[in-house]
Amino acid sequence: MKTLLLNPIAFSLGSIEVHWYGIILGTAALVGLLLAVQEGKRFGIKPDLFMDLLLLGVPSAIIGARIYYVAFKWDDYKGNLIDVFKIWNGGIAIYGAIIGAFICGFFYFRYKGYKFWRLVDITIPGMLVGQMIGRWGNFMNQEAYGGEVSEDFLRNTLHLPSFIVDQMLVEGVYRHPAFLYESIWSLVGLIVLFVLRRQRFLRAGELTATYFIWYSIGRFFIEALRTDSLAFRGPSWLASFIDGLWTPMEVLFKQGYLDPAYGNIRISQALALILIVGAVLFIIIRRKKGYASAYYLDPVTTSKPERNGGNDTTITTIPDSTATKKENEDSKP
């Protein structure tokens, strides 16, 4: 039976081709925005703040993602620079997108007078849902897949629908749907963040740290399945250490092929370990040193005054549950 691959082009407007990749990334950004707006309402933050952030953050994330990818694949692009700009053909890196978005957010929140970690915590679930949806753009482009597997494994072990199984037939070989593994991992992580941000013990910045820990753990193990990993030549002890950490997964899966001539360490795996350790230390040190004095559920304030009837005022916004509790306490004799 002939395998029918999904067309990466959604439709055409004259000579302009609209790719599913772009539509999916746009949808991911929109859903992420809606999550941030909804959570922002609990703190009385106007939706305009997040809409403006989206207009600045999405281009920053795309630029960061592309620069990150091209930098590590420069030999493939230096002979044809025009291909650097063809992002609709794929070739953007999630970690680069995160770097670009965080740089944009840092300066934008400072400009608006908000403390960085307070606003990042509110927006971070939106970033994760964006990654969850965005991985399906890789699916449409037949990229970010893993090593060779059998059709039986996909259909009868994973019980995947035919449209996914058929799309995982790449050059006559069935592949691990690594995009799907990461998308599901992100979905579970999103639920974790939703639950965690309602807990009174959570300090400012710790939801973002949890995001990095959760995402990086999944990325570390999933990355080893892929055959298109960005890599570098590093010390043999580090390569052995990373392989040793991944060894328990060999009960279920085999690592994807990594060309020794290209490198011996997958960049995303090394970076994932750094982020996990860094995020854990971030939580511990800030609590030990007393830097994490603000809680997630505390009022969100801005140092930038707004004009209100000709007078300068400083905005203080309080989540509904906190405000109600405060009113009840104030009403007690």
Protein backbone atom coordinates (compact mmCIF):
# COMPACT_ATOMS: atom_id res chain seq x y z
CA MET A 1 0.00 0.00 0.00
CA LYS A 2 1.36 3.41 -0.94
CA THR A 3 2.07 5.73 1.97
CA LEU A 4 0.38 9.11 1.66
CA LEU A 5 2.51 11.79 3.30
CA LEU A 6 0.90 14.96 4.60
CA ASN A 7 1.48 18.02 2.46
CA PRO A 8 3.53 20.62 4.40
CA ILE A 9 1.84 23.37 2.37
CA ALA A 10 -1.61 24.21 3.74
CA PHE A 11 -2.76 26.38 0.82
CA SER A 12 -1.53 28.90 -1.72
CA LEU A 13 -2.46 32.52 -2.33
CA GLY A 14 -1.30 33.09 -5.87
CA SER A 15 2.45 32.54 -5.80
CA ILE A 16 2.55 32.62 -2.01
CA GLU A 17 2.59 29.24 -0.28
CA VAL A 18 1.30 29.09 3.29
CA HIS A 19 2.99 26.29 5.21
CA TRP A 20 1.44 24.28 8.02
CA TYR A 21 4.65 24.94 9.96
CA GLY A 22 3.87 28.66 10.13
CA ILE A 23 0.19 28.10 10.92
CA ILE A 24 1.05 25.75 13.78
CA LEU A 25 3.65 28.13 15.24
CA GLY A 26 1.13 30.96 15.01
CA THR A 27 -1.48 28.85 16.79
CA ALA A 28 1.05 27.95 19.47
CA ALA A 29 1.81 31.63 20.09
CA LEU A 30 -1.89 32.51 20.27
CA VAL A 31 -2.72 29.76 22.78
CA GLY A 32 0.29 30.77 24.88
CA LEU A 33 -0.96 34.36 24.84
CA LEU A 34 -4.45 33.34 25.97
CA LEU A 35 -3.02 31.39 28.92
CA ALA A 36 -0.93 34.37 30.01
CA VAL A 37 -3.85 36.78 29.66
CA GLN A 38 -6.13 34.51 31.68
CA GLU A 39 -3.63 34.14 34.52
CA GLY A 40 -2.83 37.84 34.37
CA LYS A 41 -6.47 38.65 35.08
CA ARG A 42 -6.13 37.07 38.54
CA PHE A 43 -3.54 39.76 39.31
CA GLY A 44 -5.43 42.56 37.60
CA ILE A 45 -2.87 42.85 34.80
CA LYS A 46 -4.26 44.26 31.58
CA PRO A 47 -4.22 41.96 28.51
CA ASP A 48 -2.43 44.69 26.53
CA LEU A 49 0.76 43.94 28.46
CA PHE A 50 0.87 40.36 27.19
CA MET A 51 -0.29 41.26 23.68
CA ASP A 52 2.56 43.73 23.33
CA LEU A 53 4.92 41.12 24.75
CA LEU A 54 3.75 38.66 22.09
CA LEU A 55 4.41 41.14 19.29
CA LEU A 56 7.96 41.59 20.56
CA GLY A 57 8.60 38.13 21.95
CA VAL A 58 7.64 35.97 18.97
CA PRO A 59 10.08 37.64 16.53
CA SER A 60 12.75 37.58 19.24
CA ALA A 61 12.16 33.87 19.85
CA ILE A 62 12.23 33.03 16.15
CA ILE A 63 15.42 35.04 15.59
CA GLY A 64 17.06 33.46 18.62
CA ALA A 65 16.00 29.97 17.54
CA ARG A 66 17.32 30.46 14.02
CA ILE A 67 20.62 32.01 15.11
CA TYR A 68 21.17 29.14 17.56
CA TYR A 69 20.50 26.52 14.88
CA VAL A 70 22.49 28.18 12.10
CA ALA A 71 25.45 28.82 14.41
CA PHE A 72 25.85 25.09 15.02
CA LYS A 73 25.13 24.18 11.39
CA TRP A 74 27.16 26.96 9.80
CA ASP A 75 28.93 24.66 7.34
CA ASP A 76 25.54 23.89 5.77
CA TYR A 77 24.65 27.57 5.32
CA LYS A 78 27.85 29.48 4.65
CA GLY A 79 27.75 28.60 0.97
CA ASN A 80 24.15 29.75 0.50
CA LEU A 81 23.25 32.54 2.92
CA ILE A 82 19.74 32.99 1.54
CA ASP A 83 18.77 29.66 3.11
CA VAL A 84 19.41 31.16 6.55
CA PHE A 85 16.10 33.01 6.23
CA LYS A 86 13.99 30.05 5.04
CA ILE A 87 12.61 29.08 8.44
CA TRP A 88 9.48 27.59 6.86
CA ASN A 89 11.67 24.66 5.84
CA GLY A 90 12.39 23.99 9.50
CA GLY A 91 15.67 24.40 11.34
CA ILE A 92 14.94 26.34 14.50
CA ALA A 93 16.09 25.31 17.96
CA ILE A 94 13.87 25.44 21.04
CA TYR A 95 16.69 26.49 23.35
CA GLY A 96 17.54 29.36 21.02
CA ALA A 97 13.88 30.42 21.09
CA ILE A 98 13.91 30.38 24.89
CA ILE A 99 17.05 32.53 24.98
CA GLY A 100 15.56 35.02 22.53
CA ALA A 101 12.25 35.20 24.40
CA PHE A 102 13.93 35.64 27.80
CA ILE A 103 16.16 38.46 26.57
CA CYS A 104 13.12 40.22 25.12
CA GLY A 105 11.08 39.66 28.30
CA PHE A 106 13.86 40.94 30.54
CA PHE A 107 14.05 44.32 28.85
CA TYR A 108 10.31 44.58 28.24
CA PHE A 109 9.37 43.91 31.88
CA ARG A 110 12.03 46.34 33.10
CA TYR A 111 10.65 48.96 30.74
CA LYS A 112 7.17 48.41 32.15
CA GLY A 113 8.47 48.58 35.72
CA TYR A 114 7.70 45.00 36.73
CA LYS A 115 10.01 42.61 38.53
CA PHE A 116 11.25 40.08 36.02
CA TRP A 117 10.55 36.85 37.90
CA ARG A 118 7.00 37.86 38.82
CA LEU A 119 5.96 38.29 35.19
CA VAL A 120 7.99 35.39 33.81
CA ASP A 121 6.22 33.01 36.20
CA ILE A 122 2.88 34.15 34.81
CA THR A 123 3.95 33.70 31.19
CA ILE A 124 5.99 30.49 31.49
CA PRO A 125 3.03 28.05 31.12
CA GLY A 126 2.23 29.85 27.87
CA MET A 127 5.76 29.17 26.65
CA LEU A 128 5.44 25.48 27.48
CA VAL A 129 2.09 25.12 25.71
CA GLY A 130 3.67 26.89 22.74
CA GLN A 131 6.41 24.27 22.64
CA MET A 132 3.83 21.50 23.01
CA ILE A 133 1.85 22.69 19.99
CA GLY A 134 4.87 23.84 18.01
CA ARG A 135 6.32 20.32 17.88
CA TRP A 136 3.51 19.39 15.51
CA GLY A 137 5.10 21.75 13.02
CA ASN A 138 8.08 19.39 13.05
CA PHE A 139 5.64 16.55 12.40
CA MET A 140 4.30 18.28 9.30
CA ASN A 141 7.82 18.89 8.01
CA GLN A 142 8.94 15.31 8.76
CA GLU A 143 11.76 16.45 11.05
CA ALA A 144 12.86 16.05 14.67
CA TYR A 145 12.23 12.31 14.44
CA GLY A 146 14.18 9.54 16.11
CA GLY A 147 15.99 6.39 15.08
CA GLU A 148 14.63 3.36 13.28
CA VAL A 149 11.71 1.39 14.71
CA SER A 150 9.30 -1.19 13.35
CA GLU A 151 5.84 -0.40 12.04
CA ASP A 152 4.48 -2.89 14.55
CA PHE A 153 6.02 -0.87 17.39
CA LEU A 154 4.24 2.28 16.25
CA ARG A 155 0.87 0.67 15.53
CA ASN A 156 0.56 -2.07 18.12
CA THR A 157 2.88 -1.02 20.97
CA LEU A 158 2.30 2.72 20.96
CA HIS A 159 -1.15 2.39 19.33
CA LEU A 160 -0.62 5.49 17.22
CA PRO A 161 -3.18 6.51 14.59
CA SER A 162 -2.33 5.85 10.96
CA PHE A 163 -1.75 9.49 10.04
CA ILE A 164 1.16 9.64 12.52
CA VAL A 165 2.53 6.21 11.63
CA ASP A 166 2.47 6.99 7.90
CA GLN A 167 4.23 10.32 8.43
CA MET A 168 6.96 8.55 10.40
CA LEU A 169 7.91 6.53 7.31
CA VAL A 170 10.97 8.50 6.24
CA GLU A 171 12.98 7.34 3.23
CA GLY A 172 11.53 3.84 3.54
CA VAL A 173 12.22 3.48 7.27
CA TYR A 174 9.85 3.99 10.20
CA ARG A 175 11.15 6.38 12.84
CA HIS A 176 10.56 7.22 16.50
CA PRO A 177 7.99 10.06 16.74
CA ALA A 178 10.29 12.10 18.97
CA PHE A 179 8.17 15.18 18.32
CA LEU A 180 5.19 13.36 19.89
CA TYR A 181 7.16 12.24 22.94
CA GLU A 182 8.21 15.81 23.62
CA SER A 183 4.72 17.17 22.99
CA ILE A 184 3.20 14.74 25.51
CA TRP A 185 5.97 15.45 28.03
CA SER A 186 5.19 19.17 27.69
CA LEU A 187 1.48 18.50 28.21
CA VAL A 188 2.15 16.68 31.48
CA GLY A 189 4.53 19.46 32.51
CA LEU A 190 1.82 22.03 31.81
CA ILE A 191 -0.50 20.26 34.24
CA VAL A 192 2.29 20.24 36.84
CA LEU A 193 2.77 24.00 36.45
CA PHE A 194 -0.99 24.61 36.71
CA VAL A 195 -1.15 22.72 40.00
CA LEU A 196 2.06 24.15 41.39
CA ARG A 197 1.17 27.80 40.81
CA ARG A 198 -1.83 27.47 43.14
CA GLN A 199 0.34 26.40 46.07
CA ARG A 200 1.05 28.95 48.81
CA PHE A 201 4.64 27.82 49.33
CA LEU A 202 5.71 28.72 45.79
CA ARG A 203 8.14 31.66 45.64
CA ALA A 204 8.62 34.08 42.76
CA GLY A 205 10.86 32.57 40.08
CA GLU A 206 10.34 28.99 41.21
CA LEU A 207 7.64 28.20 38.68
CA THR A 208 10.07 29.18 35.93
CA ALA A 209 12.79 27.08 37.55
CA THR A 210 10.39 24.12 37.67
CA TYR A 211 9.68 24.60 33.97
CA PHE A 212 13.40 24.37 33.17
CA ILE A 213 13.84 21.30 35.34
CA TRP A 214 10.83 19.50 33.90
CA TYR A 215 11.42 20.35 30.25
CA SER A 216 15.16 19.65 30.43
CA ILE A 217 14.68 16.20 31.99
CA GLY A 218 12.40 15.19 29.14
CA ARG A 219 14.60 16.81 26.52
CA PHE A 220 17.70 15.01 27.82
CA PHE A 221 16.19 11.57 27.27
CA ILE A 222 14.23 12.34 24.11
CA GLU A 223 17.16 14.08 22.41
CA ALA A 224 19.22 10.87 22.45
CA LEU A 225 16.59 9.19 20.25
CA ARG A 226 16.97 11.75 17.47
CA THR A 227 19.20 11.42 14.43
CA ASP A 228 19.42 15.14 13.63
CA SER A 229 20.86 16.43 16.90
CA LEU A 230 23.17 19.43 16.96
CA ALA A 231 26.44 18.16 18.40
CA PHE A 232 30.00 19.15 19.22
CA ARG A 233 33.32 17.45 19.88
CA GLY A 234 33.84 17.33 23.64
CA PRO A 235 35.92 15.42 26.19
CA SER A 236 35.39 11.68 26.22
CA TRP A 237 34.63 11.66 29.95
CA LEU A 238 31.66 13.98 29.41
CA ALA A 239 30.35 11.87 26.54
CA SER A 240 30.65 8.74 28.70
CA PHE A 241 28.92 10.47 31.62
CA ILE A 242 25.97 11.53 29.44
CA ASP A 243 25.71 8.05 27.91
CA GLY A 244 25.77 6.56 31.40
CA LEU A 245 22.87 8.72 32.54
CA TRP A 246 20.88 7.63 29.50
CA THR A 247 21.72 3.91 29.88
CA PRO A 248 18.51 2.94 31.81
CA MET A 249 16.49 3.94 28.74
CA GLU A 250 18.20 1.22 26.70
CA VAL A 251 15.75 -1.25 28.24
CA LEU A 252 13.09 0.34 26.04
CA PHE A 253 14.86 2.23 23.24
CA LYS A 254 18.10 2.50 21.33
CA GLN A 255 19.83 5.81 20.87
CA GLY A 256 19.57 7.49 17.50
CA TYR A 257 22.68 7.51 15.33
CA LEU A 258 25.12 10.37 15.90
CA ASP A 259 27.87 10.72 13.31
CA PRO A 260 31.21 10.61 15.20
CA ALA A 261 32.71 12.91 12.59
CA TYR A 262 30.13 15.56 13.52
CA GLY A 263 30.53 15.33 17.29
CA ASN A 264 30.30 13.04 20.27
CA ILE A 265 28.08 15.13 22.56
CA ARG A 266 24.56 16.28 21.75
CA ILE A 267 24.33 19.97 22.56
CA SER A 268 20.76 19.78 23.84
CA GLN A 269 21.66 17.00 26.27
CA ALA A 270 24.62 18.91 27.69
CA LEU A 271 22.56 22.10 27.96
CA ALA A 272 19.68 20.21 29.60
CA LEU A 273 21.99 18.98 32.37
CA ILE A 274 23.32 22.50 32.93
CA LEU A 275 19.79 23.91 33.17
CA ILE A 276 18.62 21.21 35.58
CA VAL A 277 21.53 21.79 37.95
CA GLY A 278 21.28 25.55 37.53
CA ALA A 279 17.53 25.63 38.25
CA VAL A 280 17.89 23.49 41.38
CA LEU A 281 20.70 25.71 42.68
CA PHE A 282 18.63 28.77 41.79
CA ILE A 283 15.82 27.62 44.09
CA ILE A 284 18.10 26.53 46.94
CA ILE A 285 20.44 29.54 46.95
CA ARG A 286 17.67 32.13 46.66
CA ARG A 287 15.85 30.58 49.62
CA LYS A 288 19.01 30.21 51.71
CA LYS A 289 20.14 33.78 51.03
CA GLY A 290 16.70 35.27 51.54
CA TYR A 291 16.42 36.52 47.95
CA ALA A 292 13.16 34.63 47.40
CA SER A 293 11.09 36.73 49.76
CA ALA A 294 8.17 37.24 47.34
CA TYR A 295 5.61 34.51 46.79
CA TYR A 296 3.90 33.71 43.52
CA LEU A 297 0.50 34.63 45.01
CA ASP A 298 1.72 37.97 46.38
CA PRO A 299 0.46 41.19 44.76
CA VAL A 300 2.15 42.15 41.50
CA THR A 301 3.41 45.73 41.48
CA THR A 302 4.95 48.06 38.94
CA SER A 303 7.29 50.96 39.67
CA LYS A 304 6.13 52.81 36.59
CA PRO A 305 3.45 55.38 37.49
CA GLU A 306 0.29 55.66 35.43
CA ARG A 307 -1.69 58.80 34.89
CA ASN A 308 -5.03 58.72 36.71
CA GLY A 309 -7.02 61.92 36.64
CA GLY A 310 -3.83 63.95 36.40
CA ASN A 311 -2.16 62.27 39.39
CA ASP A 312 0.71 59.80 39.28
CA THR A 313 -0.21 56.46 40.83
CA THR A 314 1.64 53.23 41.33
CA ILE A 315 -0.32 50.15 40.34
CA THR A 316 -0.65 47.28 42.79
CA THR A 317 -2.50 44.22 41.55
CA ILE A 318 -3.60 41.36 43.79
CA PRO A 319 -4.86 37.91 42.77
CA ASP A 320 -8.51 37.39 43.60
CA SER A 321 -8.00 34.75 46.27
CA THR A 322 -5.38 36.84 48.07
CA ALA A 323 -7.50 39.99 47.91
CA THR A 324 -10.53 38.18 49.36
CA LYS A 325 -8.45 36.77 52.20
CA LYS A 326 -7.04 40.21 52.97
CA GLU A 327 -10.54 41.77 53.04
CA ASN A 328 -11.75 39.09 55.44
CA GLU A 329 -8.80 39.67 57.76
CA ASP A 330 -9.31 43.44 57.73
CA SER A 331 -12.99 43.04 58.63
CA LYS A 332 -12.21 41.11 61.80
CA PRO A 333 -12.61 43.18 65.05
